[in-house]
């Protein structure tokens, strides 16, 4: 899954959840939404994915209306359908049926062909001590990198 142009990144998701699996999905969008996304005016921080009747939808994703669009601009936070293969949907249904799993959007980007893609992750929630452990590990790595950098200066 190579990324062409990154539009939105959900850093909070990796802090709040353990990501067990990542799947790339397309989205059903209207014309002015695509233009707005190409301008980088999308937000996935408060969004989440749900499965209804064998289809996957993303809710809470905000795509700012295109300024040059007409009065028929779609609702910025409307529910949008994700495009996945049947086997992928069945796999997601099986994983989310397990206790504690949810679907979280990770990145929104344009691929090499210019198509809008969304990475969704199958995630388990982290406890407070897990978050502290990750922060401590991150701080230790940063300190080691700083020490190596300072040592190379002299």
N, C-alpha and C. Protein backbone atom coordinates (compact mmCIF):
# COMPACT_ATOMS: atom_id res chain seq x y z
N UNK A 1 0.83 -1.17 0.00
CA UNK A 1 0.00 0.00 0.00
C UNK A 1 0.88 1.23 0.00
N UNK A 2 1.20 1.70 -1.19
CA UNK A 2 2.03 2.89 -1.27
C UNK A 2 1.16 4.13 -1.34
N UNK A 3 1.61 5.15 -0.69
CA UNK A 3 0.85 6.38 -0.58
C UNK A 3 1.38 7.38 -1.59
N UNK A 4 0.49 7.97 -2.39
CA UNK A 4 0.88 9.02 -3.31
C UNK A 4 0.97 10.34 -2.57
N UNK A 5 -0.18 10.94 -2.26
CA UNK A 5 -0.23 12.21 -1.53
C UNK A 5 -1.09 12.03 -0.29
N UNK A 6 -0.49 12.21 0.87
CA UNK A 6 -1.21 12.05 2.13
C UNK A 6 -2.11 13.26 2.35
N UNK A 7 -3.40 13.01 2.60
CA UNK A 7 -4.36 14.09 2.83
C UNK A 7 -4.61 14.27 4.33
N UNK A 8 -4.91 13.17 5.03
CA UNK A 8 -5.19 13.25 6.46
C UNK A 8 -4.61 12.02 7.14
N UNK A 9 -4.05 12.23 8.33
CA UNK A 9 -3.44 11.16 9.09
C UNK A 9 -4.05 11.17 10.49
N UNK A 10 -4.45 10.01 10.99
CA UNK A 10 -5.06 9.92 12.31
C UNK A 10 -4.01 9.41 13.31
N UNK A 11 -3.16 10.33 13.80
CA UNK A 11 -2.11 9.96 14.75
C UNK A 11 -2.69 9.48 16.07
N UNK A 12 -3.82 10.05 16.45
CA UNK A 12 -4.46 9.71 17.72
C UNK A 12 -4.87 8.23 17.76
N UNK A 13 -5.21 7.67 16.61
CA UNK A 13 -5.64 6.27 16.56
C UNK A 13 -4.53 5.34 17.02
N UNK A 14 -3.31 5.59 16.60
CA UNK A 14 -2.20 4.72 17.00
C UNK A 14 -1.86 4.89 18.48
N UNK A 15 -2.21 6.05 19.04
CA UNK A 15 -1.99 6.27 20.47
C UNK A 15 -3.08 5.60 21.31
N UNK A 16 -4.31 5.63 20.82
CA UNK A 16 -5.45 5.13 21.59
C UNK A 16 -5.70 3.63 21.40
N UNK A 17 -5.19 3.03 20.30
CA UNK A 17 -5.54 1.66 19.97
C UNK A 17 -4.30 0.85 19.58
N UNK A 18 -4.39 -0.47 19.77
CA UNK A 18 -3.46 -1.41 19.15
C UNK A 18 -4.04 -1.74 17.78
N UNK A 19 -3.29 -1.53 16.72
CA UNK A 19 -3.76 -1.80 15.37
C UNK A 19 -3.30 -3.21 15.00
N UNK A 20 -4.27 -4.13 14.82
CA UNK A 20 -3.93 -5.51 14.50
C UNK A 20 -3.83 -5.77 13.01
N UNK A 21 -4.66 -5.11 12.22
CA UNK A 21 -4.66 -5.34 10.78
C UNK A 21 -5.05 -4.06 10.07
N UNK A 22 -4.46 -3.82 8.89
CA UNK A 22 -4.75 -2.62 8.11
C UNK A 22 -5.26 -3.03 6.74
N UNK A 23 -6.34 -2.39 6.30
CA UNK A 23 -6.94 -2.68 5.00
C UNK A 23 -7.15 -1.38 4.25
N UNK A 24 -6.84 -1.39 2.95
CA UNK A 24 -7.05 -0.22 2.09
C UNK A 24 -8.42 -0.31 1.45
N UNK A 25 -9.16 0.79 1.47
CA UNK A 25 -10.51 0.81 0.90
C UNK A 25 -10.69 2.06 0.06
N UNK A 26 -11.53 1.93 -0.97
CA UNK A 26 -11.95 3.10 -1.74
C UNK A 26 -13.19 3.67 -1.09
N UNK A 27 -13.66 4.81 -1.60
CA UNK A 27 -14.85 5.45 -1.03
C UNK A 27 -15.76 5.92 -2.14
N UNK A 28 -17.08 5.93 -1.84
CA UNK A 28 -18.06 6.49 -2.76
C UNK A 28 -18.17 7.97 -2.43
N UNK A 29 -17.75 8.83 -3.38
CA UNK A 29 -17.73 10.28 -3.16
C UNK A 29 -18.46 11.00 -4.28
N UNK A 30 -18.91 12.20 -3.99
CA UNK A 30 -19.49 13.08 -5.01
C UNK A 30 -18.36 13.90 -5.61
N UNK A 31 -18.59 14.52 -6.76
CA UNK A 31 -17.56 15.24 -7.49
C UNK A 31 -16.89 16.36 -6.72
N UNK A 32 -17.69 17.18 -6.05
CA UNK A 32 -17.09 18.30 -5.32
C UNK A 32 -16.32 17.83 -4.09
N UNK A 33 -16.69 16.67 -3.54
CA UNK A 33 -15.94 16.12 -2.41
C UNK A 33 -14.53 15.74 -2.85
N UNK A 34 -14.40 15.17 -4.03
CA UNK A 34 -13.09 14.79 -4.54
C UNK A 34 -12.21 16.02 -4.72
N UNK A 35 -12.80 17.10 -5.26
CA UNK A 35 -12.04 18.34 -5.46
C UNK A 35 -11.58 18.90 -4.12
N UNK A 36 -12.45 18.84 -3.13
CA UNK A 36 -12.10 19.35 -1.81
C UNK A 36 -11.00 18.50 -1.17
N UNK A 37 -11.07 17.18 -1.34
CA UNK A 37 -10.03 16.29 -0.81
C UNK A 37 -8.69 16.57 -1.49
N UNK A 38 -8.70 16.79 -2.79
CA UNK A 38 -7.46 17.09 -3.51
C UNK A 38 -6.81 18.37 -2.99
N UNK A 39 -7.63 19.29 -2.47
CA UNK A 39 -7.10 20.52 -1.88
C UNK A 39 -6.66 20.30 -0.43
N UNK A 40 -6.85 19.08 0.10
CA UNK A 40 -6.40 18.75 1.45
C UNK A 40 -7.37 19.17 2.54
N UNK A 41 -8.65 19.28 2.24
CA UNK A 41 -9.63 19.78 3.19
C UNK A 41 -10.49 18.64 3.73
N UNK A 42 -9.86 17.66 4.35
CA UNK A 42 -10.58 16.53 4.95
C UNK A 42 -10.03 16.25 6.34
N UNK A 43 -10.88 15.74 7.22
CA UNK A 43 -10.49 15.45 8.59
C UNK A 43 -11.08 14.10 9.00
N UNK A 44 -10.23 13.19 9.49
CA UNK A 44 -10.70 11.86 9.89
C UNK A 44 -10.50 11.61 11.38
N UNK A 45 -10.16 12.64 12.15
CA UNK A 45 -9.83 12.44 13.56
C UNK A 45 -10.99 11.89 14.39
N UNK A 46 -12.19 12.38 14.17
CA UNK A 46 -13.35 11.97 14.97
C UNK A 46 -14.19 10.90 14.28
N UNK A 47 -13.67 10.29 13.23
CA UNK A 47 -14.47 9.35 12.46
C UNK A 47 -14.25 7.90 12.89
N UNK A 48 -15.16 7.06 12.49
CA UNK A 48 -15.09 5.63 12.77
C UNK A 48 -15.85 4.88 11.69
N UNK A 49 -15.57 3.60 11.55
CA UNK A 49 -16.23 2.78 10.53
C UNK A 49 -17.19 1.80 11.19
N UNK A 50 -18.31 1.54 10.52
CA UNK A 50 -19.31 0.59 11.00
C UNK A 50 -19.69 -0.35 9.86
N UNK A 51 -20.20 -1.52 10.26
CA UNK A 51 -20.67 -2.50 9.27
C UNK A 51 -22.18 -2.61 9.41
N UNK A 52 -22.91 -2.33 8.33
CA UNK A 52 -24.37 -2.44 8.29
C UNK A 52 -24.78 -3.28 7.10
N UNK A 53 -25.54 -4.32 7.33
CA UNK A 53 -26.08 -5.17 6.25
C UNK A 53 -25.02 -5.62 5.26
N UNK A 54 -23.85 -6.01 5.77
CA UNK A 54 -22.80 -6.53 4.90
C UNK A 54 -22.06 -5.46 4.11
N UNK A 55 -22.23 -4.19 4.48
CA UNK A 55 -21.52 -3.10 3.83
C UNK A 55 -20.80 -2.28 4.91
N UNK A 56 -19.67 -1.68 4.53
CA UNK A 56 -18.87 -0.91 5.48
C UNK A 56 -19.06 0.58 5.17
N UNK A 57 -19.33 1.36 6.22
CA UNK A 57 -19.53 2.79 6.09
C UNK A 57 -18.61 3.53 7.03
N UNK A 58 -18.21 4.74 6.64
CA UNK A 58 -17.44 5.60 7.54
C UNK A 58 -18.34 6.75 7.97
N UNK A 59 -18.34 7.00 9.28
CA UNK A 59 -19.18 8.06 9.83
C UNK A 59 -18.31 9.07 10.55
N UNK A 60 -18.72 10.33 10.51
CA UNK A 60 -18.01 11.38 11.22
C UNK A 60 -16.83 11.98 10.48
N UNK A 61 -16.56 11.52 9.26
CA UNK A 61 -15.46 12.09 8.48
C UNK A 61 -15.92 13.42 7.91
N UNK A 62 -15.13 14.47 8.12
CA UNK A 62 -15.52 15.81 7.68
C UNK A 62 -14.75 16.18 6.41
N UNK A 63 -15.49 16.44 5.32
CA UNK A 63 -14.90 16.95 4.09
C UNK A 63 -15.51 18.34 3.87
N UNK A 64 -14.69 19.36 4.02
CA UNK A 64 -15.16 20.73 3.89
C UNK A 64 -15.74 20.95 2.49
N UNK A 65 -16.90 21.60 2.38
CA UNK A 65 -17.49 21.84 1.05
C UNK A 65 -16.55 22.63 0.15
N UNK A 66 -16.55 22.29 -1.11
CA UNK A 66 -15.73 22.94 -2.12
C UNK A 66 -16.27 24.35 -2.36
N UNK A 67 -15.40 25.37 -2.25
CA UNK A 67 -15.85 26.76 -2.35
C UNK A 67 -16.43 27.09 -3.72
N UNK A 68 -15.86 26.52 -4.77
CA UNK A 68 -16.30 26.83 -6.12
C UNK A 68 -17.50 25.97 -6.54
N UNK A 69 -17.96 25.11 -5.63
CA UNK A 69 -19.08 24.22 -5.95
C UNK A 69 -20.40 24.99 -5.97
N UNK A 70 -21.44 24.30 -6.39
CA UNK A 70 -22.74 24.94 -6.47
C UNK A 70 -23.53 24.72 -5.18
N UNK A 71 -24.79 25.06 -5.19
CA UNK A 71 -25.61 24.95 -3.98
C UNK A 71 -25.94 23.51 -3.63
N UNK A 72 -25.59 22.57 -4.48
CA UNK A 72 -25.88 21.15 -4.23
C UNK A 72 -24.71 20.43 -3.59
N UNK A 73 -23.82 21.17 -2.94
CA UNK A 73 -22.72 20.53 -2.23
C UNK A 73 -23.27 19.56 -1.20
N UNK A 74 -22.69 18.36 -1.09
CA UNK A 74 -23.20 17.40 -0.10
C UNK A 74 -22.86 17.81 1.33
N UNK A 75 -23.56 17.20 2.28
CA UNK A 75 -23.32 17.45 3.71
C UNK A 75 -21.88 17.08 4.05
N UNK A 76 -21.14 17.94 4.75
CA UNK A 76 -19.72 17.67 5.03
C UNK A 76 -19.47 16.43 5.88
N UNK A 77 -20.39 16.06 6.76
CA UNK A 77 -20.15 14.91 7.64
C UNK A 77 -21.11 13.76 7.35
N UNK A 78 -21.54 13.64 6.11
CA UNK A 78 -22.47 12.56 5.77
C UNK A 78 -21.77 11.20 5.86
N UNK A 79 -22.58 10.14 5.99
CA UNK A 79 -22.05 8.78 6.03
C UNK A 79 -21.66 8.38 4.61
N UNK A 80 -20.44 7.85 4.46
CA UNK A 80 -19.94 7.46 3.14
C UNK A 80 -19.64 5.97 3.11
N UNK A 81 -19.99 5.35 1.99
CA UNK A 81 -19.78 3.91 1.82
C UNK A 81 -18.33 3.65 1.42
N UNK A 82 -17.75 2.60 2.02
CA UNK A 82 -16.40 2.17 1.66
C UNK A 82 -16.48 1.03 0.67
N UNK A 83 -15.58 1.00 -0.27
CA UNK A 83 -15.57 -0.02 -1.32
C UNK A 83 -14.53 -1.08 -0.99
N UNK A 84 -15.01 -2.28 -0.68
CA UNK A 84 -14.16 -3.41 -0.34
C UNK A 84 -14.65 -4.66 -1.05
N UNK A 85 -13.78 -5.64 -1.19
CA UNK A 85 -14.18 -6.93 -1.74
C UNK A 85 -14.98 -7.70 -0.69
N UNK A 86 -15.82 -8.60 -1.13
CA UNK A 86 -16.67 -9.38 -0.23
C UNK A 86 -15.84 -10.15 0.79
N UNK A 87 -14.71 -10.74 0.37
CA UNK A 87 -13.87 -11.49 1.31
C UNK A 87 -13.31 -10.57 2.40
N UNK A 88 -12.94 -9.35 2.02
CA UNK A 88 -12.42 -8.40 3.00
C UNK A 88 -13.52 -8.02 4.00
N UNK A 89 -14.74 -7.80 3.51
CA UNK A 89 -15.85 -7.44 4.40
C UNK A 89 -16.15 -8.58 5.35
N UNK A 90 -16.17 -9.81 4.83
CA UNK A 90 -16.43 -10.97 5.69
C UNK A 90 -15.36 -11.11 6.77
N UNK A 91 -14.11 -10.86 6.39
CA UNK A 91 -13.01 -10.92 7.36
C UNK A 91 -13.19 -9.85 8.44
N UNK A 92 -13.57 -8.63 8.03
CA UNK A 92 -13.79 -7.55 8.99
C UNK A 92 -14.96 -7.87 9.93
N UNK A 93 -16.01 -8.46 9.38
CA UNK A 93 -17.16 -8.84 10.22
C UNK A 93 -16.71 -9.84 11.27
N UNK A 94 -15.93 -10.85 10.86
CA UNK A 94 -15.44 -11.85 11.80
C UNK A 94 -14.56 -11.25 12.89
N UNK A 95 -13.69 -10.32 12.51
CA UNK A 95 -12.79 -9.72 13.49
C UNK A 95 -13.52 -8.78 14.45
N UNK A 96 -14.48 -8.01 13.94
CA UNK A 96 -15.17 -7.06 14.81
C UNK A 96 -16.22 -7.73 15.70
N UNK A 97 -16.59 -8.96 15.40
CA UNK A 97 -17.50 -9.69 16.28
C UNK A 97 -16.82 -10.07 17.59
N UNK A 98 -15.48 -10.16 17.56
CA UNK A 98 -14.75 -10.46 18.78
C UNK A 98 -14.84 -9.27 19.72
N UNK A 99 -14.85 -9.56 20.99
CA UNK A 99 -15.02 -8.50 21.99
C UNK A 99 -13.86 -7.52 21.98
N UNK A 100 -14.18 -6.23 21.96
CA UNK A 100 -13.17 -5.20 22.08
C UNK A 100 -12.57 -4.71 20.78
N UNK A 101 -12.99 -5.22 19.64
CA UNK A 101 -12.44 -4.79 18.36
C UNK A 101 -13.34 -3.76 17.70
N UNK A 102 -12.72 -2.80 17.02
CA UNK A 102 -13.45 -1.77 16.30
C UNK A 102 -12.69 -1.42 15.02
N UNK A 103 -13.34 -0.69 14.13
CA UNK A 103 -12.72 -0.25 12.88
C UNK A 103 -12.40 1.24 12.98
N UNK A 104 -11.13 1.58 12.79
CA UNK A 104 -10.68 2.95 12.94
C UNK A 104 -9.98 3.40 11.66
N UNK A 105 -10.34 4.56 11.11
CA UNK A 105 -9.62 5.07 9.94
C UNK A 105 -8.23 5.58 10.36
N UNK A 106 -7.22 5.23 9.56
CA UNK A 106 -5.86 5.61 9.90
C UNK A 106 -5.32 6.72 9.00
N UNK A 107 -5.47 6.57 7.69
CA UNK A 107 -4.95 7.56 6.75
C UNK A 107 -5.90 7.73 5.57
N UNK A 108 -5.98 8.94 5.07
CA UNK A 108 -6.72 9.26 3.85
C UNK A 108 -5.70 9.81 2.87
N UNK A 109 -5.65 9.25 1.67
CA UNK A 109 -4.63 9.67 0.72
C UNK A 109 -5.08 9.45 -0.70
N UNK A 110 -4.34 10.03 -1.64
CA UNK A 110 -4.51 9.82 -3.07
C UNK A 110 -3.42 8.84 -3.50
N UNK A 111 -3.80 7.76 -4.19
CA UNK A 111 -2.78 6.83 -4.64
C UNK A 111 -2.12 7.34 -5.92
N UNK A 112 -1.24 6.55 -6.52
CA UNK A 112 -0.50 6.99 -7.70
C UNK A 112 -1.43 7.32 -8.87
N UNK A 113 -2.56 6.64 -8.96
CA UNK A 113 -3.50 6.87 -10.05
C UNK A 113 -4.42 8.07 -9.78
N UNK A 114 -4.31 8.67 -8.61
CA UNK A 114 -5.14 9.82 -8.28
C UNK A 114 -6.46 9.47 -7.63
N UNK A 115 -6.63 8.21 -7.22
CA UNK A 115 -7.86 7.78 -6.58
C UNK A 115 -7.78 8.00 -5.07
N UNK A 116 -8.91 8.36 -4.47
CA UNK A 116 -8.96 8.58 -3.03
C UNK A 116 -9.06 7.23 -2.32
N UNK A 117 -8.14 6.98 -1.40
CA UNK A 117 -8.12 5.73 -0.65
C UNK A 117 -8.10 6.03 0.85
N UNK A 118 -8.65 5.09 1.63
CA UNK A 118 -8.70 5.22 3.07
C UNK A 118 -8.16 3.94 3.67
N UNK A 119 -7.21 4.07 4.59
CA UNK A 119 -6.71 2.91 5.32
C UNK A 119 -7.51 2.78 6.60
N UNK A 120 -8.13 1.61 6.80
CA UNK A 120 -8.84 1.37 8.05
C UNK A 120 -8.12 0.26 8.80
N UNK A 121 -8.09 0.39 10.10
CA UNK A 121 -7.41 -0.59 10.92
C UNK A 121 -8.37 -1.30 11.84
N UNK A 122 -8.15 -2.59 12.03
CA UNK A 122 -8.90 -3.35 13.03
C UNK A 122 -8.14 -3.15 14.33
N UNK A 123 -8.82 -2.53 15.31
CA UNK A 123 -8.12 -2.05 16.49
C UNK A 123 -8.73 -2.54 17.79
N UNK A 124 -7.86 -2.68 18.80
CA UNK A 124 -8.27 -2.96 20.18
C UNK A 124 -7.88 -1.76 21.01
N UNK A 125 -8.71 -1.38 21.95
CA UNK A 125 -8.43 -0.23 22.80
C UNK A 125 -7.27 -0.47 23.74
N UNK A 126 -6.48 0.56 23.99
CA UNK A 126 -5.36 0.48 24.92
C UNK A 126 -5.82 0.93 26.30
N UNK A 127 -5.23 0.34 27.30
CA UNK A 127 -5.44 0.77 28.67
C UNK A 127 -4.45 1.90 28.98
N UNK A 128 -4.64 2.57 30.08
CA UNK A 128 -3.79 3.71 30.44
C UNK A 128 -2.33 3.30 30.60
N UNK A 129 -2.08 2.13 31.22
CA UNK A 129 -0.69 1.71 31.42
C UNK A 129 -0.01 1.38 30.09
N UNK A 130 -0.78 0.91 29.09
CA UNK A 130 -0.20 0.66 27.76
C UNK A 130 0.24 1.97 27.12
N UNK A 131 -0.59 3.01 27.26
CA UNK A 131 -0.24 4.31 26.69
C UNK A 131 1.01 4.87 27.35
N UNK A 132 1.11 4.70 28.67
CA UNK A 132 2.29 5.19 29.39
C UNK A 132 3.54 4.45 28.94
N UNK A 133 3.41 3.13 28.75
CA UNK A 133 4.53 2.32 28.29
C UNK A 133 5.00 2.79 26.91
N UNK A 134 4.06 3.06 26.01
CA UNK A 134 4.42 3.53 24.67
C UNK A 134 5.12 4.89 24.72
N UNK A 135 4.62 5.78 25.57
CA UNK A 135 5.25 7.10 25.70
C UNK A 135 6.66 6.98 26.28
N UNK A 136 6.85 6.10 27.26
CA UNK A 136 8.17 5.90 27.85
C UNK A 136 9.14 5.34 26.81
N UNK A 137 8.66 4.40 26.01
CA UNK A 137 9.50 3.81 24.96
C UNK A 137 9.88 4.88 23.91
N UNK A 138 8.93 5.71 23.56
CA UNK A 138 9.17 6.78 22.59
C UNK A 138 10.20 7.78 23.14
N UNK A 139 10.06 8.14 24.42
CA UNK A 139 11.01 9.06 25.05
C UNK A 139 12.42 8.46 25.10
N UNK A 140 12.51 7.18 25.42
CA UNK A 140 13.82 6.51 25.49
C UNK A 140 14.48 6.49 24.11
N UNK A 141 13.72 6.22 23.07
CA UNK A 141 14.28 6.21 21.72
C UNK A 141 14.75 7.60 21.33
N UNK A 142 13.97 8.61 21.67
CA UNK A 142 14.34 9.99 21.36
C UNK A 142 15.63 10.37 22.09
N UNK A 143 15.74 9.97 23.34
CA UNK A 143 16.95 10.28 24.12
C UNK A 143 18.18 9.59 23.52
N UNK A 144 18.02 8.35 23.09
CA UNK A 144 19.14 7.63 22.48
C UNK A 144 19.56 8.31 21.17
N UNK A 145 18.59 8.71 20.35
CA UNK A 145 18.91 9.39 19.10
C UNK A 145 19.62 10.72 19.36
N UNK A 146 19.17 11.45 20.38
CA UNK A 146 19.78 12.72 20.73
C UNK A 146 21.22 12.51 21.20
N UNK A 147 21.43 11.46 22.02
CA UNK A 147 22.77 11.18 22.52
C UNK A 147 23.71 10.80 21.38
N UNK A 148 23.23 9.99 20.45
CA UNK A 148 24.06 9.61 19.30
C UNK A 148 24.39 10.83 18.44
N UNK A 149 23.42 11.69 18.23
CA UNK A 149 23.62 12.88 17.43
C UNK A 149 24.65 13.81 18.09
N UNK A 150 24.51 13.99 19.43
CA UNK A 150 25.46 14.85 20.14
C UNK A 150 26.86 14.26 20.15
N UNK A 151 26.97 12.94 20.23
CA UNK A 151 28.27 12.27 20.25
C UNK A 151 28.97 12.44 18.90
N UNK A 152 28.20 12.42 17.82
CA UNK A 152 28.79 12.54 16.47
C UNK A 152 29.29 13.97 16.21
N UNK A 153 28.75 14.95 16.92
CA UNK A 153 29.20 16.34 16.71
C UNK A 153 30.64 16.53 17.16
N UNK A 154 31.06 15.80 18.20
CA UNK A 154 32.39 16.01 18.78
C UNK A 154 33.42 15.11 18.23
